[in-house]
Amino acid sequence: MRRGPMRRGPMRRGPMRRDKRRRAKVSSGIIFLPSILVLILAAGCSREEMNQALETAKSKTKSITDSAVEAVEETLPETGEVTLNLKPDPIAIANAEIDLIAIGDGRPNVIQIATYDPDASSLSYPALLLHGVTDMSTTSSLSGQKILCDVYYQENETSPIAMTKPGEALTVTFQQYNPTEETLTATLGVISLLASDGSVIRIEGGAVLAVIREETE
């Protein structure tokens, strides 16, 4: 029997990892400028003047670093997004992460796109999970691939869980991989989901901008 949106064990999240990496890259690129200034001043300055120059350099370095990091972060998606062309009203979910799980032993790998944090104690809604298999070994290599996925969708905490009917699957066409932003885009096909209360939810396509999680083995 199929199950609704799934949770797995603890995992480091992509946005947090990228934030630390961006800060490290920006800091390493600019921190040497005030240091050179301190060395030049040190040649003809007293200890008190050197200490004052050092503190000034530290303050300027922090200000420049913080400004640069903020500028970089403004251009990067924090959580991704999924747009579902539901009938009668489309919706946008401001969160999406993609995860590739390596199974091993010659078995296909698992691809999951989730709009909620599987490590959280409670789900955020609307909650969407796409679950499929692939022979690709990395998330970035999915560009250009079409993957058949099971779909699980729940509008809110009290609404029924809708899922793909037996023998049916949603076609997810993966498109562009962005190595700088660590994201992957995809388009969604057309599918009808059957809810646990017998109602039908029709998805007339959609789009995904997914933040890539750590590769998981």
Protein backbone atom coordinates (compact mmCIF):
# COMPACT_ATOMS: atom_id res chain seq x y z
CA MET A 1 0.00 0.00 0.00
CA ARG A 2 1.32 3.46 -0.81
CA ARG A 3 2.03 5.84 1.95
CA GLY A 4 1.70 9.59 2.16
CA PRO A 5 4.50 12.18 2.43
CA MET A 6 7.50 10.41 3.89
CA ARG A 7 10.12 11.34 6.43
CA ARG A 8 13.65 10.04 6.57
CA GLY A 9 16.57 10.29 8.98
CA PRO A 10 18.53 13.46 9.79
CA MET A 11 20.23 15.11 6.87
CA ARG A 12 22.10 18.35 6.38
CA ARG A 13 20.05 20.81 4.44
CA GLY A 14 21.18 22.31 1.16
CA PRO A 15 20.43 26.03 1.81
CA MET A 16 22.41 26.02 5.05
CA ARG A 17 25.38 24.33 3.36
CA ARG A 18 25.38 26.81 0.50
CA ASP A 19 25.17 29.77 2.88
CA LYS A 20 28.33 28.67 4.72
CA ARG A 21 30.15 28.03 1.46
CA ARG A 22 29.18 31.43 0.04
CA ARG A 23 30.36 33.19 3.20
CA ALA A 24 33.69 31.34 3.10
CA LYS A 25 34.29 32.20 -0.55
CA VAL A 26 33.48 35.88 -0.10
CA SER A 27 35.56 36.21 3.06
CA SER A 28 38.67 34.55 1.60
CA GLY A 29 38.56 36.87 -1.41
CA ILE A 30 38.59 40.18 0.45
CA ILE A 31 40.12 39.69 3.90
CA PHE A 32 43.70 40.14 2.65
CA LEU A 33 43.16 43.82 1.71
CA PRO A 34 43.03 45.28 5.25
CA SER A 35 45.82 42.87 6.30
CA ILE A 36 48.17 44.38 3.71
CA LEU A 37 47.26 47.83 4.99
CA VAL A 38 48.18 46.78 8.54
CA LEU A 39 51.56 45.44 7.42
CA ILE A 40 52.37 48.68 5.62
CA LEU A 41 51.43 50.79 8.61
CA ALA A 42 53.34 48.53 10.95
CA ALA A 43 56.67 49.54 9.44
CA GLY A 44 56.55 53.04 10.91
CA CYS A 45 53.94 52.95 13.67
CA SER A 46 54.00 52.59 17.44
CA ARG A 47 52.36 49.58 19.12
CA GLU A 48 49.31 51.68 20.05
CA GLU A 49 48.93 52.92 16.49
CA MET A 50 49.36 49.37 15.17
CA ASN A 51 46.63 48.06 17.48
CA GLN A 52 44.28 50.84 16.44
CA ALA A 53 44.99 50.16 12.77
CA LEU A 54 44.37 46.44 13.30
CA GLU A 55 41.00 47.04 14.97
CA THR A 56 39.99 49.41 12.17
CA ALA A 57 40.97 46.81 9.58
CA LYS A 58 38.94 44.12 11.36
CA SER A 59 35.90 46.36 11.47
CA LYS A 60 36.17 47.21 7.77
CA THR A 61 36.68 43.55 6.85
CA LYS A 62 33.51 42.51 8.70
CA SER A 63 31.50 45.30 7.09
CA ILE A 64 32.70 44.47 3.58
CA THR A 65 32.18 40.72 4.11
CA ASP A 66 28.65 41.14 5.45
CA SER A 67 27.70 43.43 2.57
CA ALA A 68 29.14 41.07 -0.03
CA VAL A 69 27.40 38.04 1.45
CA GLU A 70 24.07 39.86 1.53
CA ALA A 71 24.48 40.86 -2.12
CA VAL A 72 25.22 37.26 -3.14
CA GLU A 73 22.38 35.81 -1.10
CA GLU A 74 19.86 38.17 -2.68
CA THR A 75 20.48 36.52 -6.06
CA LEU A 76 20.12 32.90 -4.87
CA PRO A 77 16.93 30.97 -4.18
CA GLU A 78 16.67 29.94 -0.53
CA THR A 79 14.07 27.22 -0.68
CA GLY A 80 13.01 26.63 -4.29
CA GLU A 81 9.41 26.66 -5.52
CA VAL A 82 6.75 24.43 -7.08
CA THR A 83 3.88 25.71 -9.20
CA LEU A 84 0.94 23.33 -9.66
CA ASN A 85 -1.66 24.04 -12.31
CA LEU A 86 -4.54 22.64 -10.31
CA LYS A 87 -8.15 22.85 -11.43
CA PRO A 88 -9.79 25.28 -10.90
CA ASP A 89 -7.06 27.37 -9.20
CA PRO A 90 -3.26 27.07 -9.63
CA ILE A 91 -1.11 27.24 -6.50
CA ALA A 92 2.53 28.10 -5.76
CA ILE A 93 4.41 26.37 -2.95
CA ALA A 94 7.41 28.37 -1.76
CA ASN A 95 9.63 25.42 -0.95
CA ALA A 96 11.16 22.53 -2.93
CA GLU A 97 14.19 20.33 -2.41
CA ILE A 98 15.40 17.44 -4.56
CA ASP A 99 17.21 14.46 -3.11
CA LEU A 100 18.94 11.56 -4.90
CA ILE A 101 19.28 8.43 -2.78
CA ALA A 102 21.81 5.84 -3.96
CA ILE A 103 20.46 2.34 -3.23
CA GLY A 104 23.40 0.23 -4.47
CA ASP A 105 23.57 -3.50 -5.28
CA GLY A 106 22.72 -2.74 -8.91
CA ARG A 107 19.30 -1.34 -8.04
CA PRO A 108 17.98 1.97 -9.43
CA ASN A 109 18.51 5.11 -7.37
CA VAL A 110 15.61 7.01 -5.85
CA ILE A 111 14.68 10.61 -6.67
CA GLN A 112 12.49 12.60 -4.29
CA ILE A 113 11.22 16.17 -4.60
CA ALA A 114 9.56 17.42 -1.43
CA THR A 115 8.00 20.77 -0.54
CA TYR A 116 8.40 20.21 3.18
CA ASP A 117 11.26 19.45 5.55
CA PRO A 118 11.29 15.68 6.27
CA ASP A 119 13.36 16.35 9.39
CA ALA A 120 10.79 18.71 10.93
CA SER A 121 8.44 17.59 13.71
CA SER A 122 5.45 18.81 11.70
CA LEU A 123 4.77 19.28 7.98
CA SER A 124 4.24 22.55 6.17
CA TYR A 125 1.26 22.77 3.84
CA PRO A 126 0.42 22.38 1.03
CA ALA A 127 2.65 19.28 1.10
CA LEU A 128 3.82 17.64 -2.14
CA LEU A 129 6.07 14.63 -2.62
CA LEU A 130 7.28 13.31 -5.99
CA HIS A 131 8.95 9.90 -5.83
CA GLY A 132 10.63 8.10 -8.75
CA VAL A 133 13.60 5.93 -9.72
CA THR A 134 16.53 6.58 -12.03
CA ASP A 135 19.79 5.05 -13.21
CA MET A 136 21.55 8.41 -12.88
CA SER A 137 24.09 8.57 -10.07
CA THR A 138 24.03 12.33 -9.39
CA THR A 139 21.30 14.94 -9.24
CA SER A 140 23.08 17.20 -11.73
CA SER A 141 23.03 14.43 -14.38
CA LEU A 142 19.21 14.46 -14.40
CA SER A 143 19.19 17.38 -16.87
CA GLY A 144 17.31 16.26 -19.99
CA GLN A 145 15.87 13.16 -18.29
CA LYS A 146 12.19 12.24 -18.02
CA ILE A 147 11.32 10.42 -14.80
CA LEU A 148 7.99 8.78 -13.98
CA CYS A 149 7.04 9.70 -10.43
CA ASP A 150 4.41 8.75 -7.90
CA VAL A 151 2.69 11.83 -6.48
CA TYR A 152 1.42 12.50 -2.95
CA TYR A 153 -0.38 15.77 -2.23
CA GLN A 154 -2.10 17.14 0.86
CA GLU A 155 -3.59 20.63 0.84
CA ASN A 156 -3.69 21.11 4.62
CA GLU A 157 -3.43 19.16 7.85
CA THR A 158 -7.05 18.01 7.83
CA SER A 159 -7.55 17.46 4.09
CA PRO A 160 -7.35 13.96 2.54
CA ILE A 161 -4.09 12.75 0.99
CA ALA A 162 -4.31 12.53 -2.81
CA MET A 163 -2.02 10.23 -4.78
CA THR A 164 -1.48 8.76 -8.21
CA LYS A 165 -3.79 5.91 -9.14
CA PRO A 166 -2.36 2.38 -9.40
CA GLY A 167 -0.50 1.92 -12.69
CA GLU A 168 -0.26 5.68 -13.35
CA ALA A 169 2.62 8.12 -12.86
CA LEU A 170 3.45 11.78 -13.38
CA THR A 171 6.11 12.60 -15.99
CA VAL A 172 8.73 14.96 -14.58
CA THR A 173 10.99 16.44 -17.27
CA PHE A 174 14.22 17.73 -15.79
CA GLN A 175 15.76 20.70 -17.52
CA GLN A 176 18.53 23.03 -16.44
CA TYR A 177 21.07 22.35 -13.71
CA ASN A 178 22.62 25.46 -12.18
CA PRO A 179 25.94 24.58 -10.45
CA THR A 180 26.32 28.06 -8.96
CA GLU A 181 22.94 28.14 -7.27
CA GLU A 182 22.83 24.35 -6.77
CA THR A 183 19.34 24.12 -8.24
CA LEU A 184 17.55 22.02 -10.85
CA THR A 185 14.47 23.02 -12.83
CA ALA A 186 11.78 20.70 -14.16
CA THR A 187 8.33 20.71 -15.72
CA LEU A 188 5.43 18.53 -14.64
CA GLY A 189 3.07 16.62 -16.89
CA VAL A 190 -0.69 16.10 -16.57
CA ILE A 191 -2.13 13.71 -14.01
CA SER A 192 -5.30 13.05 -11.97
CA LEU A 193 -4.83 12.21 -8.30
CA LEU A 194 -7.28 10.14 -6.27
CA ALA A 195 -7.83 11.35 -2.71
CA SER A 196 -8.55 9.12 0.25
CA ASP A 197 -12.11 10.49 0.42
CA GLY A 198 -12.79 9.51 -3.20
CA SER A 199 -12.41 13.00 -4.69
CA VAL A 200 -10.19 13.67 -7.70
CA ILE A 201 -7.56 16.42 -8.01
CA ARG A 202 -6.48 17.30 -11.53
CA ILE A 203 -2.96 18.63 -12.17
CA GLU A 204 -2.64 20.28 -15.58
CA GLY A 205 1.15 20.55 -15.53
CA GLY A 206 3.43 22.71 -13.45
CA ALA A 207 7.00 23.82 -12.85
CA VAL A 208 9.70 23.08 -10.27
CA LEU A 209 12.74 24.99 -9.08
CA ALA A 210 14.36 22.59 -6.63
CA VAL A 211 17.29 23.17 -4.29
CA ILE A 212 19.66 20.20 -4.39
CA ARG A 213 20.28 18.38 -1.13
CA GLU A 214 23.43 16.51 -0.21
CA GLU A 215 23.90 13.37 -2.31
CA THR A 216 22.81 10.49 -0.05
CA GLU A 217 24.18 6.97 -0.10
